[in-house]
Protein backbone atom coordinates (compact mmCIF):
# COMPACT_ATOMS: atom_id res chain seq x y z
CA MET A 1 100.00 -67.77 -29.15
CA LYS A 2 98.27 -65.44 -26.81
CA LYS A 3 95.58 -64.81 -29.58
CA LEU A 4 94.80 -68.68 -29.98
CA TYR A 5 94.49 -69.13 -26.13
CA LEU A 6 92.01 -66.23 -25.89
CA ILE A 7 89.87 -67.75 -28.73
CA THR A 8 89.98 -71.24 -27.29
CA LEU A 9 89.03 -69.93 -23.79
CA PHE A 10 86.31 -67.74 -25.18
CA ALA A 11 84.84 -70.76 -27.11
CA THR A 12 84.85 -72.86 -23.96
CA LEU A 13 82.97 -70.51 -21.95
CA LEU A 14 80.35 -69.77 -24.71
CA PHE A 15 79.64 -73.60 -24.95
CA SER A 16 79.38 -74.15 -21.26
CA ALA A 17 77.45 -71.00 -20.34
CA CYS A 18 75.24 -70.62 -23.22
CA ASP A 19 74.21 -73.99 -24.17
CA PRO A 20 70.51 -73.32 -25.48
CA ASN A 21 69.22 -76.91 -24.80
CA LYS A 22 70.51 -77.46 -21.25
CA ASP A 23 67.33 -76.13 -19.45
CA ILE A 24 65.21 -78.09 -22.03
CA TYR A 25 67.15 -81.37 -21.08
CA ASN A 26 66.56 -80.67 -17.50
CA ASP A 27 62.80 -79.91 -18.18
CA LEU A 28 62.31 -83.11 -20.16
CA ASP A 29 63.84 -85.23 -17.42
CA LYS A 30 61.35 -83.75 -15.09
CA MET A 31 58.59 -84.62 -17.56
CA GLU A 32 59.17 -88.08 -17.43
CA THR A 33 56.26 -88.27 -14.79
CA PRO A 34 53.48 -86.01 -16.30
CA TYR A 35 52.78 -82.88 -14.37
CA HIS A 36 49.59 -83.35 -12.36
CA ASP A 37 47.83 -81.53 -9.49
CA ASN A 38 44.56 -81.40 -7.57
CA ILE A 39 42.69 -78.12 -8.04
CA THR A 40 39.42 -76.63 -7.01
CA TYR A 41 38.29 -74.07 -9.42
CA THR A 42 35.07 -71.79 -9.26
CA MET A 43 33.25 -70.94 -12.38
CA THR A 44 32.90 -67.21 -13.20
CA ALA A 45 30.40 -65.57 -15.58
CA ALA A 46 32.81 -65.54 -18.26
CA ASP A 47 33.57 -69.10 -17.79
CA TYR A 48 29.69 -69.98 -18.30
CA SER A 49 29.71 -68.00 -21.52
CA THR A 50 32.58 -70.05 -22.75
CA PHE A 51 31.15 -73.33 -21.63
CA SER A 52 27.82 -72.51 -23.22
CA SER A 53 29.56 -71.70 -26.50
CA LEU A 54 31.29 -75.04 -26.46
CA ALA A 55 28.07 -76.89 -25.57
CA ILE A 56 26.28 -75.19 -28.41
CA LYS A 57 28.76 -76.60 -30.91
CA THR A 58 27.75 -80.14 -30.00
CA ALA A 59 23.82 -79.37 -29.79
CA ILE A 60 21.92 -81.82 -31.94
CA THR A 61 18.51 -80.57 -31.55
CA LYS A 62 16.90 -77.32 -31.14
CA TRP A 63 16.18 -78.25 -27.53
CA ASP A 64 19.82 -79.08 -26.90
CA SER A 65 20.69 -75.73 -28.26
CA THR A 66 18.25 -73.87 -26.13
CA LEU A 67 19.57 -75.58 -22.99
CA ALA A 68 23.09 -74.75 -23.99
CA LYS A 69 22.22 -71.02 -24.30
CA GLU A 70 20.79 -71.13 -20.81
CA ILE A 71 24.10 -72.06 -19.27
CA LYS A 72 25.15 -68.37 -20.20
CA THR A 73 21.74 -66.81 -19.81
CA TYR A 74 21.47 -68.12 -16.02
CA THR A 75 25.30 -68.27 -15.32
CA SER A 76 24.65 -71.62 -13.90
CA PHE A 77 24.06 -75.31 -14.75
CA GLY A 78 20.69 -76.75 -13.96
CA PRO A 79 17.93 -79.20 -14.71
CA TYR A 80 18.52 -80.70 -18.25
CA ARG A 81 21.80 -78.63 -18.51
CA ASN A 82 23.68 -80.61 -15.85
CA ILE A 83 27.43 -79.91 -16.40
CA VAL A 84 28.00 -83.83 -16.70
CA ASN A 85 26.05 -84.25 -19.50
CA TYR A 86 28.35 -82.06 -21.64
CA SER A 87 31.43 -84.37 -21.78
CA SER A 88 33.14 -82.71 -24.98
CA ALA A 89 32.43 -79.23 -23.84
CA ALA A 90 33.75 -79.96 -20.30
CA ASN A 91 36.99 -81.66 -21.78
CA GLN A 92 37.77 -78.76 -24.03
CA PHE A 93 37.07 -76.11 -21.38
CA LEU A 94 39.30 -77.97 -18.82
CA SER A 95 41.98 -78.48 -21.43
CA ASN A 96 42.05 -74.68 -22.37
CA LYS A 97 41.80 -73.69 -18.63
CA PHE A 98 44.44 -75.89 -17.52
CA ALA A 99 46.66 -76.83 -20.43
CA ALA A 100 49.71 -77.86 -18.44
CA LEU A 101 47.65 -80.25 -16.21
CA ASN A 102 48.08 -83.98 -17.40
CA LYS A 103 47.41 -87.58 -16.43
CA GLY A 104 46.69 -88.01 -12.68
CA SER A 105 45.38 -84.39 -12.30
CA VAL A 106 41.87 -83.82 -10.51
CA VAL A 107 40.18 -80.60 -10.88
CA TYR A 108 36.93 -79.98 -8.76
CA ILE A 109 34.63 -77.64 -10.55
CA GLN A 110 32.54 -75.48 -8.16
CA SER A 111 29.59 -73.93 -9.95
CA ASP A 112 26.00 -72.76 -9.35
CA PHE A 113 23.08 -75.25 -9.91
CA SER A 114 20.21 -72.97 -10.87
CA THR A 115 16.47 -74.41 -10.76
CA SER A 116 15.36 -72.12 -13.59
CA TYR A 117 15.12 -73.58 -17.01
CA ASN A 118 12.65 -73.51 -20.05
CA LEU A 119 9.73 -75.88 -20.07
CA LYS A 120 9.89 -78.40 -22.85
CA ALA A 121 6.92 -78.47 -25.27
CA PRO A 122 5.94 -81.28 -27.60
CA ASP A 123 7.34 -81.09 -31.04
CA ALA A 124 5.21 -79.56 -33.78
CA ASN A 125 4.43 -82.98 -35.15
CA ALA A 126 4.00 -84.77 -31.76
CA THR A 127 0.96 -86.85 -31.41
CA LEU A 128 -0.79 -87.70 -27.94
CA PRO A 129 -0.14 -89.27 -25.49
CA ILE A 130 2.34 -86.61 -24.58
CA ALA A 131 5.95 -87.56 -24.46
CA THR A 132 8.29 -88.14 -21.28
CA GLY A 133 9.99 -85.16 -20.48
CA VAL A 134 7.44 -82.74 -22.14
CA GLU A 135 6.13 -80.34 -19.20
CA LEU A 136 4.40 -77.57 -21.32
CA TYR A 137 1.11 -78.26 -23.24
CA THR A 138 -1.07 -75.84 -25.05
CA LEU A 139 -4.70 -76.70 -25.64
CA THR A 140 -5.83 -76.79 -29.34
CA THR A 141 -9.22 -76.32 -30.72
CA ASN A 142 -9.64 -79.98 -31.04
CA ASP A 143 -8.55 -80.60 -27.46
CA TYR A 144 -11.50 -78.34 -26.34
CA VAL A 145 -13.86 -80.44 -28.16
CA ALA A 146 -12.52 -83.51 -27.27
CA ALA A 147 -12.60 -82.63 -23.58
CA GLY A 148 -16.07 -81.54 -23.75
CA LEU A 149 -15.37 -77.75 -23.37
CA ASP A 150 -18.06 -76.57 -25.78
CA SER A 151 -17.57 -72.93 -24.96
CA GLY A 152 -13.76 -73.26 -26.42
CA TYR A 153 -12.41 -72.22 -23.27
CA VAL A 154 -12.25 -73.51 -19.55
CA ARG A 155 -14.93 -72.13 -16.92
CA VAL A 156 -13.99 -72.43 -13.29
CA SER A 157 -16.77 -74.91 -13.16
CA GLU A 158 -15.43 -77.13 -15.87
CA MET A 159 -11.92 -77.63 -14.35
CA GLY A 160 -12.71 -81.33 -13.78
CA LYS A 161 -13.36 -81.81 -17.52
CA LEU A 162 -9.76 -80.40 -17.95
CA THR A 163 -8.02 -82.74 -15.51
CA ASP A 164 -10.00 -85.80 -16.62
CA TYR A 165 -8.79 -84.97 -20.06
CA ILE A 166 -5.13 -84.69 -18.95
CA LYS A 167 -5.40 -88.06 -17.18
CA ASN A 168 -7.18 -89.94 -19.90
CA THR A 169 -5.80 -88.34 -23.10
CA ILE A 170 -2.85 -85.95 -22.79
CA TYR A 171 -0.87 -87.89 -20.09
CA PRO A 172 -2.25 -91.33 -19.34
CA ASN A 173 1.10 -92.80 -18.10
CA ALA A 174 1.84 -90.10 -15.66
CA ILE A 175 3.60 -91.05 -12.26
CA LYS A 176 3.04 -89.59 -8.93
CA ASP A 177 4.19 -85.88 -8.46
CA GLN A 178 4.42 -85.59 -12.26
CA PHE A 179 3.70 -81.95 -13.28
CA LEU A 180 2.38 -80.37 -16.50
CA VAL A 181 1.83 -76.52 -17.23
CA ILE A 182 -1.26 -76.31 -19.38
CA ASN A 183 -1.69 -73.18 -21.37
CA TYR A 184 -5.64 -72.99 -21.74
CA LYS A 185 -8.24 -70.23 -22.51
CA ASN A 186 -10.04 -68.84 -19.32
CA SER A 187 -12.40 -66.77 -21.71
CA LEU A 188 -12.93 -66.13 -25.20
CA THR A 189 -10.16 -63.38 -25.21
CA SER A 190 -7.46 -64.45 -22.79
CA SER A 191 -5.33 -67.30 -21.99
CA VAL A 192 -3.45 -68.57 -18.79
CA ASP A 193 -0.85 -71.05 -17.75
CA GLY A 194 -1.83 -73.57 -15.06
CA TYR A 195 0.63 -75.53 -13.02
CA PHE A 196 -1.11 -79.02 -12.69
CA ILE A 197 0.34 -81.94 -10.51
CA TYR A 198 -0.54 -85.65 -10.44
CA ASN A 199 -0.95 -87.21 -6.83
CA GLY A 200 -1.01 -90.62 -8.21
CA THR A 201 -4.74 -90.65 -8.69
CA ILE A 202 -5.93 -87.65 -10.04
CA TRP A 203 -4.66 -84.39 -11.76
CA ASN A 204 -5.17 -81.09 -9.72
CA LEU A 205 -4.63 -77.33 -10.40
CA ASP A 206 -2.01 -76.57 -7.92
CA ILE A 207 -2.23 -73.05 -6.48
CA VAL A 208 -0.50 -73.78 -3.09
CA LYS A 209 3.04 -74.77 -3.84
CA SER A 210 3.07 -73.06 -7.34
CA TYR A 211 2.38 -69.37 -8.67
CA VAL A 212 2.07 -68.30 -12.27
CA LEU A 213 2.88 -64.73 -12.79
CA VAL A 214 0.24 -62.45 -14.32
CA MET A 215 0.57 -59.08 -16.07
CA ALA A 216 0.07 -57.24 -12.97
CA ASP A 217 3.10 -59.15 -11.32
CA TYR A 218 5.48 -57.86 -14.13
CA ASP A 219 4.19 -54.27 -13.92
CA ALA A 220 4.89 -54.28 -10.11
CA MET A 221 8.33 -54.85 -10.91
CA GLY A 222 8.65 -51.77 -13.06
CA THR A 223 6.92 -50.73 -16.49
CA GLY A 224 9.97 -48.74 -17.89
CA PHE A 225 12.52 -49.98 -20.57
CA ASN A 226 14.48 -52.94 -19.48
CA GLN A 227 12.17 -53.62 -16.72
CA PRO A 228 9.83 -56.69 -16.49
CA GLY A 229 6.52 -54.76 -16.96
CA PHE A 230 7.50 -53.01 -20.21
CA ASN A 231 6.78 -56.26 -22.26
CA ASP A 232 5.42 -58.45 -19.22
CA ASN A 233 8.29 -60.97 -19.56
CA PHE A 234 11.97 -61.34 -18.40
CA SER A 235 14.86 -61.65 -20.87
CA THR A 236 18.71 -61.90 -21.04
CA SER A 237 18.84 -58.22 -20.07
CA ILE A 238 16.08 -58.34 -17.42
CA LEU A 239 17.08 -61.61 -15.54
CA PRO A 240 14.40 -63.17 -13.29
CA GLN A 241 16.91 -63.84 -10.60
CA ASN A 242 17.29 -60.25 -10.15
CA TYR A 243 13.62 -59.59 -9.55
CA LEU A 244 11.90 -62.80 -8.18
CA PRO A 245 13.29 -63.04 -4.72
CA ALA A 246 12.21 -59.57 -3.78
CA PHE A 247 8.76 -60.11 -5.49
CA LEU A 248 8.30 -63.35 -3.32
CA LYS A 249 9.37 -61.35 -0.21
CA ILE A 250 6.39 -58.98 -0.86
CA LYS A 251 4.11 -61.36 -2.02
CA TYR A 252 4.63 -63.93 0.97
CA PRO A 253 5.52 -61.81 3.99
CA TYR A 254 4.74 -64.65 6.50
CA ALA A 255 6.89 -67.15 4.74
CA GLN A 256 8.54 -69.70 6.96
CA THR A 257 11.97 -71.19 6.81
CA ASN A 258 12.20 -74.08 3.85
CA ASP A 259 9.01 -72.87 2.42
CA THR A 260 9.08 -73.37 -1.29
CA LYS A 261 7.29 -71.86 -4.19
CA VAL A 262 7.47 -73.23 -7.89
CA LEU A 263 7.25 -69.85 -10.09
CA CYS A 264 6.09 -70.01 -13.83
CA TYR A 265 7.09 -66.80 -15.95
CA LYS A 266 7.49 -65.63 -19.39
CA PHE A 267 10.94 -65.22 -20.68
CA TYR A 268 11.96 -63.96 -24.18
CA LEU A 269 14.83 -65.56 -26.04
CA GLY A 270 14.38 -65.40 -29.81
CA GLY A 271 10.68 -65.76 -29.00
CA LEU A 272 8.44 -66.10 -25.93
CA GLN A 273 9.17 -69.01 -23.81
CA THR A 274 7.59 -70.31 -20.44
CA HIS A 275 10.28 -70.88 -17.79
CA ILE A 276 10.01 -72.32 -14.26
CA ALA A 277 12.04 -72.13 -11.12
CA THR A 278 11.86 -73.36 -7.54
CA TYR A 279 12.57 -70.84 -4.87
CA THR A 280 13.26 -71.86 -1.17
CA TYR A 281 13.00 -69.36 1.84
CA ASP A 282 15.99 -69.75 3.99
CA GLY A 283 14.43 -67.53 6.85
CA SER A 284 15.70 -64.30 5.36
CA LEU A 285 15.99 -64.65 1.64
CA TRP A 286 14.30 -66.59 -1.36
CA LYS A 287 16.88 -68.51 -3.28
CA GLU A 288 16.42 -70.79 -6.44
CA ARG A 289 20.23 -72.06 -6.65
CA ALA A 290 22.77 -73.84 -4.65
CA THR A 291 26.47 -74.63 -5.05
CA ARG A 292 27.77 -77.72 -6.26
CA LEU A 293 31.23 -79.57 -6.78
CA ASP A 294 31.92 -81.80 -9.82
CA GLN A 295 35.12 -83.95 -9.96
CA TYR A 296 36.96 -84.13 -13.36
CA ILE A 297 40.01 -86.45 -13.59
CA HIS A 298 42.72 -86.56 -16.59
CA ASN A 299 43.65 -89.89 -17.72
CA GLY A 300 46.48 -88.78 -19.98
CA GLU A 301 44.34 -87.94 -22.99
CA ALA A 302 41.40 -86.18 -21.99
CA TRP A 303 39.36 -84.99 -18.93
CA PHE A 304 36.62 -87.16 -17.66
CA TYR A 305 33.79 -86.62 -15.16
CA ASP A 306 34.17 -88.75 -11.98
CA PRO A 307 30.87 -89.47 -10.31
CA THR A 308 32.51 -90.72 -7.21
CA ILE A 309 31.35 -88.74 -4.07
CA ARG A 310 34.30 -88.27 -1.56
CA PHE A 311 34.02 -86.98 1.98
CA THR A 312 36.04 -87.15 5.00
CA MET A 313 33.96 -88.18 8.20
CA VAL A 314 33.35 -85.43 10.86
CA ALA A 315 32.05 -85.72 14.44
CA SER A 316 28.42 -85.62 13.53
CA ASP A 317 29.24 -88.68 11.16
CA TYR A 318 30.56 -90.85 13.99
CA GLN A 319 27.69 -89.76 15.99
CA ILE A 320 25.17 -91.08 13.62
CA ILE A 321 26.74 -94.45 13.99
CA CYS A 322 26.67 -93.95 17.91
CA ASP A 323 22.88 -93.08 17.68
CA TYR A 324 22.35 -96.05 15.51
CA VAL A 325 23.98 -98.46 18.02
CA LYS A 326 21.92 -96.66 20.74
CA ASN A 327 18.61 -97.40 19.16
CA ASP A 328 19.33 -101.00 17.95
CA PRO A 329 17.99 -103.63 20.20
CA GLU A 330 20.71 -106.10 19.66
CA LYS A 331 23.59 -103.60 19.98
CA SER A 332 22.19 -100.97 22.31
CA THR A 333 24.27 -102.42 25.27
CA TYR A 334 27.26 -101.34 23.31
CA PHE A 335 26.48 -97.57 23.55
CA ASN A 336 28.15 -95.47 26.27
CA GLN A 337 25.13 -94.22 28.34
CA ASN A 338 27.42 -92.01 30.18
CA TYR A 339 29.02 -89.74 27.46
CA LYS A 340 26.62 -90.60 24.75
CA ASN A 341 29.06 -90.08 21.90
CA GLU A 342 30.76 -93.29 22.06
CA GLU A 343 29.96 -96.81 21.11
CA TYR A 344 31.79 -100.11 21.35
CA TRP A 345 30.32 -102.46 18.61
CA TYR A 346 31.74 -100.52 15.61
CA GLY A 347 34.17 -98.43 17.73
CA ALA A 348 32.91 -95.01 16.73
CA ASN A 349 33.73 -92.11 18.83
CA ALA A 350 32.32 -88.70 18.01
CA TYR A 351 34.07 -86.71 20.52
CA ARG A 352 37.57 -88.00 19.38
CA VAL A 353 36.47 -88.26 15.78
CA ASN A 354 37.79 -91.74 15.28
CA PHE A 355 37.29 -95.45 15.40
CA ASP A 356 38.83 -97.18 18.26
CA PHE A 357 40.92 -100.29 17.44
CA ARG A 358 42.24 -100.97 20.79
CA VAL A 359 40.84 -104.00 22.39
CA VAL A 360 41.32 -102.69 26.02
CA ASN A 361 38.97 -99.88 25.08
CA ARG A 362 36.39 -102.15 23.60
CA THR A 363 36.26 -104.57 26.59
CA GLY A 364 36.18 -104.09 30.23
CA THR A 365 33.59 -101.69 31.98
CA TYR A 366 32.42 -97.99 32.11
CA THR A 367 30.58 -96.18 34.90
CA TYR A 368 27.09 -94.60 34.55
CA ASN A 369 25.30 -93.09 37.60
CA GLY A 370 27.52 -95.29 39.79
CA ILE A 371 27.03 -98.58 38.31
CA LYS A 372 29.66 -100.18 36.21
CA TYR A 373 28.40 -101.68 32.66
CA PRO A 374 30.28 -104.13 30.62
CA LYS A 375 31.45 -102.62 27.19
CA ASP A 376 31.57 -105.98 25.60
CA SER A 377 28.30 -107.15 26.96
CA LEU A 378 27.86 -110.01 24.53
CA GLY A 379 31.51 -111.35 24.83
CA THR A 380 32.38 -110.86 21.21
CA PHE A 381 35.96 -109.50 21.88
CA THR A 382 36.56 -110.62 25.36
CA GLY A 383 39.07 -113.58 25.54
CA LYS A 384 39.82 -113.59 21.88
CA SER A 385 43.18 -113.61 20.11
CA ILE A 386 44.49 -110.43 18.29
CA GLU A 387 43.88 -112.25 14.99
CA GLU A 388 40.24 -112.85 15.89
CA ASN A 389 39.53 -109.47 17.15
CA THR A 390 41.25 -107.86 14.10
CA LYS A 391 38.86 -109.93 11.64
CA THR A 392 35.81 -108.83 13.89
CA PHE A 393 36.94 -105.17 14.10
CA ASN A 394 37.38 -104.85 10.35
CA THR A 395 34.05 -106.61 9.57
CA ARG A 396 32.10 -104.31 12.04
CA LEU A 397 33.78 -101.23 10.78
CA LYS A 398 32.77 -102.04 7.17
CA GLU A 399 29.20 -102.71 8.52
CA GLY A 400 29.31 -99.19 10.31
CA LEU A 401 30.44 -97.34 7.30
CA ILE A 402 27.48 -98.86 5.49
CA VAL A 403 25.12 -97.71 8.36
CA LEU A 404 26.46 -94.07 8.01
CA LEU A 405 25.97 -94.05 4.14
CA GLU A 406 22.54 -95.51 4.21
CA ALA A 407 21.77 -92.65 6.68
CA LYS A 408 23.42 -89.88 4.72
CA TYR A 409 22.47 -90.88 1.41
CA PRO A 410 19.10 -92.68 1.60
CA THR A 411 17.92 -91.87 -1.94
CA MET A 412 21.25 -92.14 -4.04
CA GLN A 413 20.57 -93.85 -7.25
CA PRO A 414 23.23 -96.68 -8.47
CA LEU A 415 23.59 -95.06 -11.84
CA THR A 416 24.18 -91.41 -12.43
CA SER A 417 22.07 -89.12 -14.61
CA THR A 418 24.79 -90.02 -17.41
CA GLY A 419 24.39 -93.71 -16.85
CA LEU A 420 27.81 -94.31 -14.95
CA GLN A 421 28.17 -96.50 -11.89
CA ALA A 422 27.92 -94.36 -8.57
CA TYR A 423 30.49 -94.89 -5.93
CA ILE A 424 31.21 -93.25 -2.51
CA GLU A 425 34.78 -92.95 -1.09
CA VAL A 426 34.72 -92.12 2.55
CA LYS A 427 37.92 -91.11 4.66
CA TYR A 428 37.98 -92.02 8.44
CA ASN A 429 40.42 -92.01 11.40
CA ILE A 430 41.49 -95.10 13.18
CA TYR A 431 42.98 -94.74 16.83
CA ILE A 432 45.66 -97.65 17.21
CA GLY A 433 47.37 -96.30 20.39
CA TYR A 434 49.21 -93.12 19.15
CA ASN A 435 48.89 -89.77 17.67
CA PRO A 436 48.40 -88.27 15.06
CA THR A 437 45.52 -90.77 14.22
CA PRO A 438 46.25 -92.64 10.89
CA GLN A 439 43.59 -91.95 8.23
CA TYR A 440 42.14 -94.73 6.03
CA ALA A 441 39.65 -94.67 3.05
CA ALA A 442 37.04 -97.02 1.88
CA LYS A 443 35.31 -97.02 -1.32
CA PHE A 444 31.57 -98.41 -1.60
CA LYS A 445 29.51 -99.11 -4.67
CA VAL A 446 25.96 -97.95 -4.83
CA THR A 447 23.92 -101.23 -5.69
CA ASP A 448 20.38 -99.98 -5.15
CA VAL A 449 18.52 -96.97 -4.08
CA GLY A 450 20.14 -95.86 -0.83
CA LYS A 451 22.13 -99.39 -0.68
CA PHE A 452 25.95 -99.94 -0.74
CA GLU A 453 28.47 -102.54 -0.79
CA ILE A 454 32.32 -102.57 -0.14
CA ASP A 455 34.57 -101.98 -3.07
CA THR A 456 37.86 -101.28 -1.57
CA TYR A 457 38.93 -101.58 1.94
CA THR A 458 42.48 -101.45 3.77
CA ASN A 459 42.32 -103.97 6.91
CA VAL A 460 43.78 -102.56 9.95
CA ASP A 461 45.38 -104.77 12.71
CA CYS A 462 43.87 -104.10 16.36
CA ILE A 463 46.17 -103.77 19.30
CA PRO A 464 45.70 -105.18 22.87
């Protein structure tokens, strides 16, 4: 009997303490709502290499493959190799990197955006006029003849013949500020690259904003093995970004803040290529890249790029609205001349970093230089019901937010580079008589260049 009791007790303990499915059942209960999170992730050199490999797998043309390889070469995204152009690679990259994240998750990818890239030349079988997107053209024997350059090269005095030929034959449909790098002979034995730009009327060889590196420049950066002067070019083992900032510092010792230079240089990657980069001087250093933040969302099946720009208003944003009221003839009397960081038309207050939805603070008077001024000079709020003022306050706020967006994003396009509709979501504070000030958000659709309309907005009741 004693033995039977011990066996029963042991079995009971074993079943209750060692149920292998107990934790699984608990985890499944938790997973009824898919695991999601918001994460900001900064790309590393290894990540660019991984992303590059994924992008190469989806490359269709030789040009696609070239750009995909540059993601690794320049450890960055950039012109023509924008991260948003690689939807398949981005989905696979994020799925591997954040396997646990599911529907509702958001990942902000912080990456470097470099201006460096390989210039695109016309396909071997291309015929003139030059195709859109082509930025590099090498003159052929026939071109010299057709342009009237009988010597077979371009003398300095014949540059006009070349620019006329670019306009009339090579690129007749060019638009203002279009550039083209032309490789041409400047003697019977040597060739050079020239950076030409179209001002809307004529083409000119630009030597002010651009600079084309020559043999002496590469040699000045070192002629030893794995140095630019060894073969007069850069490569994956001799990266231009490691040399060109110092080169520019020496070449332009009197550069001023925000000066820019477009550099053309040779890069070897399975063959000699012509690359280009735009460097900007920040007062201390020459830089050719910036940091950007791209948002991806998980819809339960895959990761997708979300082109919506999101930001939270800060004091300078509220001040933009205050200054707008100050400078608007109709609304200027609603600007507080005393503090200069408050206005009563839209209710923006840069000092308190909010919109004021109290009727008592949008009516009455304020004092400036001993004189009392009415806050509601046109009487749009005074003597109205709470319902009427609530409607006006919300209408005005929506208009004020559009004023801000038009000032901050005057060149924003309605469609992104991938053809997606562009939106902006802005978060802001509204003061309704107590702290902490509640935060609200409104979403705007970009309808035209620098133009916006409300998409979603939450109405807020004003208080007396």
